[in-house]
């Protein structure tokens, strides 16, 4: 499905959503692993040098962002820069995966709050604009 870069950026993006309000709940952290199992593992056939499915890079990137206590808005900007650079390589499925996983993480604990909603709205508008700019009519 994706590349190492995609999974890394997705993990950081999920962190940005979970931490948009300055707090990552236990439920949100646990749901990251569930989402990786449900949405990524079956699509990714490549493994790393240790034999782990490369989709787990998403979890590693999320955990690293938590450990570093990164700023959610800066992480979102970083993801947008990555997406802009990779616009010709990002597939519809990858864009859909990003949006669906972000939506799910935001809704998992006491439903979506205002800051999570603002972040996802900004992300969705950006990805839709980026994607539509590469369509040929």
C-alpha atoms as a PDB file:
ATOM      1  CA  UNK A   1       0.000   0.000   0.000  1.00  0.00           C
ATOM      2  CA  UNK A   2       2.218   2.777   1.245  1.00  0.00           C
ATOM      3  CA  UNK A   3       5.840   3.611   1.651  1.00  0.00           C
ATOM      4  CA  UNK A   4       7.881   3.977   4.798  1.00  0.00           C
ATOM      5  CA  UNK A   5       7.457   7.758   4.462  1.00  0.00           C
ATOM      6  CA  UNK A   6       3.690   7.472   4.129  1.00  0.00           C
ATOM      7  CA  UNK A   7       3.343   5.317   7.231  1.00  0.00           C
ATOM      8  CA  UNK A   8       5.607   7.602   9.224  1.00  0.00           C
ATOM      9  CA  UNK A   9       3.662  10.705   8.208  1.00  0.00           C
ATOM     10  CA  UNK A  10       0.348   8.951   8.859  1.00  0.00           C
ATOM     11  CA  UNK A  11       1.459   8.054  12.389  1.00  0.00           C
ATOM     12  CA  UNK A  12       2.398  11.653  13.092  1.00  0.00           C
ATOM     13  CA  UNK A  13      -0.874  12.864  11.555  1.00  0.00           C
ATOM     14  CA  UNK A  14      -2.862  10.557  13.829  1.00  0.00           C
ATOM     15  CA  UNK A  15      -0.894  11.966  16.747  1.00  0.00           C
ATOM     16  CA  UNK A  16      -1.856  15.503  15.660  1.00  0.00           C
ATOM     17  CA  UNK A  17      -5.537  14.555  15.663  1.00  0.00           C
ATOM     18  CA  UNK A  18      -5.361  12.769  19.011  1.00  0.00           C
ATOM     19  CA  UNK A  19      -3.394  15.636  20.552  1.00  0.00           C
ATOM     20  CA  UNK A  20      -5.318  18.520  18.945  1.00  0.00           C
ATOM     21  CA  UNK A  21      -6.852  19.339  22.329  1.00  0.00           C
ATOM     22  CA  UNK A  22      -3.541  18.915  24.170  1.00  0.00           C
ATOM     23  CA  UNK A  23      -4.492  15.548  25.634  1.00  0.00           C
ATOM     24  CA  UNK A  24      -4.233  12.017  24.245  1.00  0.00           C
ATOM     25  CA  UNK A  25      -6.617   9.658  25.968  1.00  0.00           C
ATOM     26  CA  UNK A  26      -5.862   6.019  26.676  1.00  0.00           C
ATOM     27  CA  UNK A  27      -8.743   5.196  24.328  1.00  0.00           C
ATOM     28  CA  UNK A  28      -7.190   7.184  21.470  1.00  0.00           C
ATOM     29  CA  UNK A  29      -3.787   5.552  21.963  1.00  0.00           C
ATOM     30  CA  UNK A  30      -5.289   2.073  22.006  1.00  0.00           C
ATOM     31  CA  UNK A  31      -7.388   2.815  18.939  1.00  0.00           C
ATOM     32  CA  UNK A  32      -4.283   3.631  16.882  1.00  0.00           C
ATOM     33  CA  UNK A  33      -3.196  -0.021  17.122  1.00  0.00           C
ATOM     34  CA  UNK A  34      -6.704  -1.233  16.341  1.00  0.00           C
ATOM     35  CA  UNK A  35      -6.916   0.993  13.272  1.00  0.00           C
ATOM     36  CA  UNK A  36      -3.548  -0.227  12.012  1.00  0.00           C
ATOM     37  CA  UNK A  37      -4.721  -3.821  12.361  1.00  0.00           C
ATOM     38  CA  UNK A  38      -8.088  -3.154  10.710  1.00  0.00           C
ATOM     39  CA  UNK A  39      -7.110  -0.753   7.935  1.00  0.00           C
ATOM     40  CA  UNK A  40      -3.440  -1.229   7.090  1.00  0.00           C
ATOM     41  CA  UNK A  41      -1.966  -4.626   7.877  1.00  0.00           C
ATOM     42  CA  UNK A  42      -3.976  -6.616   5.352  1.00  0.00           C
ATOM     43  CA  UNK A  43      -3.023  -4.195   2.557  1.00  0.00           C
ATOM     44  CA  UNK A  44       0.721  -4.122   3.235  1.00  0.00           C
ATOM     45  CA  UNK A  45       2.794  -7.117   2.210  1.00  0.00           C
ATOM     46  CA  UNK A  46       6.292  -5.688   2.812  1.00  0.00           C
ATOM     47  CA  UNK A  47       8.190  -6.274   6.021  1.00  0.00           C
ATOM     48  CA  UNK A  48      11.109  -4.530   7.623  1.00  0.00           C
ATOM     49  CA  UNK A  49      14.453  -6.174   8.342  1.00  0.00           C
ATOM     50  CA  UNK A  50      13.027  -7.658  11.545  1.00  0.00           C
ATOM     51  CA  UNK A  51      10.088  -9.274   9.768  1.00  0.00           C
ATOM     52  CA  UNK A  52       7.465  -6.819  11.032  1.00  0.00           C
ATOM     53  CA  UNK A  53       4.800  -5.574   8.667  1.00  0.00           C
ATOM     54  CA  UNK A  54       5.809  -2.088   7.472  1.00  0.00           C
ATOM     55  CA  UNK A  55       2.375  -0.727   8.412  1.00  0.00           C
ATOM     56  CA  UNK A  56       3.577  -0.827  12.044  1.00  0.00           C
ATOM     57  CA  UNK A  57       5.797   2.153  11.205  1.00  0.00           C
ATOM     58  CA  UNK A  58       2.587   4.117  11.742  1.00  0.00           C
ATOM     59  CA  UNK A  59       2.510   3.029  15.402  1.00  0.00           C
ATOM     60  CA  UNK A  60       6.210   3.763  15.875  1.00  0.00           C
ATOM     61  CA  UNK A  61       5.815   7.274  14.437  1.00  0.00           C
ATOM     62  CA  UNK A  62       2.780   7.918  16.652  1.00  0.00           C
ATOM     63  CA  UNK A  63       4.611   6.705  19.773  1.00  0.00           C
ATOM     64  CA  UNK A  64       7.691   8.781  18.911  1.00  0.00           C
ATOM     65  CA  UNK A  65       5.544  11.907  18.480  1.00  0.00           C
ATOM     66  CA  UNK A  66       3.957  11.220  21.882  1.00  0.00           C
ATOM     67  CA  UNK A  67       7.388  10.811  23.495  1.00  0.00           C
ATOM     68  CA  UNK A  68       8.588  14.072  21.939  1.00  0.00           C
ATOM     69  CA  UNK A  69       5.324  15.886  22.781  1.00  0.00           C
ATOM     70  CA  UNK A  70       5.210  17.448  19.323  1.00  0.00           C
ATOM     71  CA  UNK A  71       2.970  20.410  18.541  1.00  0.00           C
ATOM     72  CA  UNK A  72      -0.182  19.201  16.746  1.00  0.00           C
ATOM     73  CA  UNK A  73      -0.352  22.177  14.358  1.00  0.00           C
ATOM     74  CA  UNK A  74       3.315  21.809  13.410  1.00  0.00           C
ATOM     75  CA  UNK A  75       2.781  18.104  12.768  1.00  0.00           C
ATOM     76  CA  UNK A  76      -0.227  18.886  10.562  1.00  0.00           C
ATOM     77  CA  UNK A  77       1.872  21.391   8.610  1.00  0.00           C
ATOM     78  CA  UNK A  78       4.585  18.745   8.226  1.00  0.00           C
ATOM     79  CA  UNK A  79       2.058  16.252   6.874  1.00  0.00           C
ATOM     80  CA  UNK A  80       0.726  18.838   4.432  1.00  0.00           C
ATOM     81  CA  UNK A  81       4.271  19.546   3.213  1.00  0.00           C
ATOM     82  CA  UNK A  82       4.834  15.813   2.745  1.00  0.00           C
ATOM     83  CA  UNK A  83       1.530  15.415   0.870  1.00  0.00           C
ATOM     84  CA  UNK A  84       2.347  18.374  -1.380  1.00  0.00           C
ATOM     85  CA  UNK A  85       5.734  16.843  -2.225  1.00  0.00           C
ATOM     86  CA  UNK A  86       4.176  13.418  -2.854  1.00  0.00           C
ATOM     87  CA  UNK A  87       1.005  14.629  -4.574  1.00  0.00           C
ATOM     88  CA  UNK A  88       1.695  12.674  -7.758  1.00  0.00           C
ATOM     89  CA  UNK A  89       2.332   9.479  -5.794  1.00  0.00           C
ATOM     90  CA  UNK A  90      -0.436   9.629  -3.173  1.00  0.00           C
ATOM     91  CA  UNK A  91      -3.225   7.315  -4.214  1.00  0.00           C
ATOM     92  CA  UNK A  92      -6.932   7.792  -3.675  1.00  0.00           C
ATOM     93  CA  UNK A  93      -6.788   4.866  -1.264  1.00  0.00           C
ATOM     94  CA  UNK A  94      -4.037   6.504   0.806  1.00  0.00           C
ATOM     95  CA  UNK A  95      -5.919   9.805   0.980  1.00  0.00           C
ATOM     96  CA  UNK A  96      -9.089   7.951   1.952  1.00  0.00           C
ATOM     97  CA  UNK A  97      -7.168   5.969   4.586  1.00  0.00           C
ATOM     98  CA  UNK A  98      -5.753   9.159   6.117  1.00  0.00           C
ATOM     99  CA  UNK A  99      -9.144  10.817   6.343  1.00  0.00           C
ATOM    100  CA  UNK A 100     -10.985   7.746   7.627  1.00  0.00           C
ATOM    101  CA  UNK A 101      -8.389   6.975  10.288  1.00  0.00           C
ATOM    102  CA  UNK A 102      -8.311  10.611  11.434  1.00  0.00           C
ATOM    103  CA  UNK A 103     -12.099  10.702  11.622  1.00  0.00           C
ATOM    104  CA  UNK A 104     -12.159   7.496  13.619  1.00  0.00           C
ATOM    105  CA  UNK A 105      -9.473   8.589  16.099  1.00  0.00           C
ATOM    106  CA  UNK A 106     -11.263  11.898  16.666  1.00  0.00           C
ATOM    107  CA  UNK A 107     -14.569  10.128  17.333  1.00  0.00           C
ATOM    108  CA  UNK A 108     -13.286   7.315  19.551  1.00  0.00           C
ATOM    109  CA  UNK A 109     -13.307   9.091  22.909  1.00  0.00           C
ATOM    110  CA  UNK A 110     -16.258  11.298  23.854  1.00  0.00           C
ATOM    111  CA  UNK A 111     -16.701  12.093  20.193  1.00  0.00           C
ATOM    112  CA  UNK A 112     -14.995  14.811  18.253  1.00  0.00           C
ATOM    113  CA  UNK A 113     -14.179  18.064  19.998  1.00  0.00           C
ATOM    114  CA  UNK A 114     -13.869  21.525  18.456  1.00  0.00           C
ATOM    115  CA  UNK A 115     -10.076  21.468  18.032  1.00  0.00           C
ATOM    116  CA  UNK A 116     -10.070  17.992  16.487  1.00  0.00           C
ATOM    117  CA  UNK A 117     -12.862  19.046  14.156  1.00  0.00           C
ATOM    118  CA  UNK A 118     -10.959  22.164  13.064  1.00  0.00           C
ATOM    119  CA  UNK A 119      -7.806  20.143  12.367  1.00  0.00           C
ATOM    120  CA  UNK A 120      -9.668  17.486  10.365  1.00  0.00           C
ATOM    121  CA  UNK A 121     -11.651  20.092   8.427  1.00  0.00           C
ATOM    122  CA  UNK A 122      -8.410  21.823   7.472  1.00  0.00           C
ATOM    123  CA  UNK A 123      -6.827  18.493   6.505  1.00  0.00           C
ATOM    124  CA  UNK A 124      -9.840  17.393   4.450  1.00  0.00           C
ATOM    125  CA  UNK A 125      -9.986  20.695   2.535  1.00  0.00           C
ATOM    126  CA  UNK A 126      -6.252  20.553   1.861  1.00  0.00           C
ATOM    127  CA  UNK A 127      -6.293  16.950   0.630  1.00  0.00           C
ATOM    128  CA  UNK A 128      -9.347  17.494  -1.544  1.00  0.00           C
ATOM    129  CA  UNK A 129      -7.792  20.607  -3.098  1.00  0.00           C
ATOM    130  CA  UNK A 130      -4.472  18.833  -3.599  1.00  0.00           C
ATOM    131  CA  UNK A 131      -6.161  15.819  -5.121  1.00  0.00           C
ATOM    132  CA  UNK A 132      -8.434  17.817  -7.412  1.00  0.00           C
ATOM    133  CA  UNK A 133      -5.482  19.819  -8.722  1.00  0.00           C
ATOM    134  CA  UNK A 134      -4.085  16.591 -10.179  1.00  0.00           C
ATOM    135  CA  UNK A 135      -7.241  15.462 -11.929  1.00  0.00           C
ATOM    136  CA  UNK A 136      -7.299  15.641 -15.701  1.00  0.00           C
ATOM    137  CA  UNK A 137     -10.590  16.571 -17.322  1.00  0.00           C
END
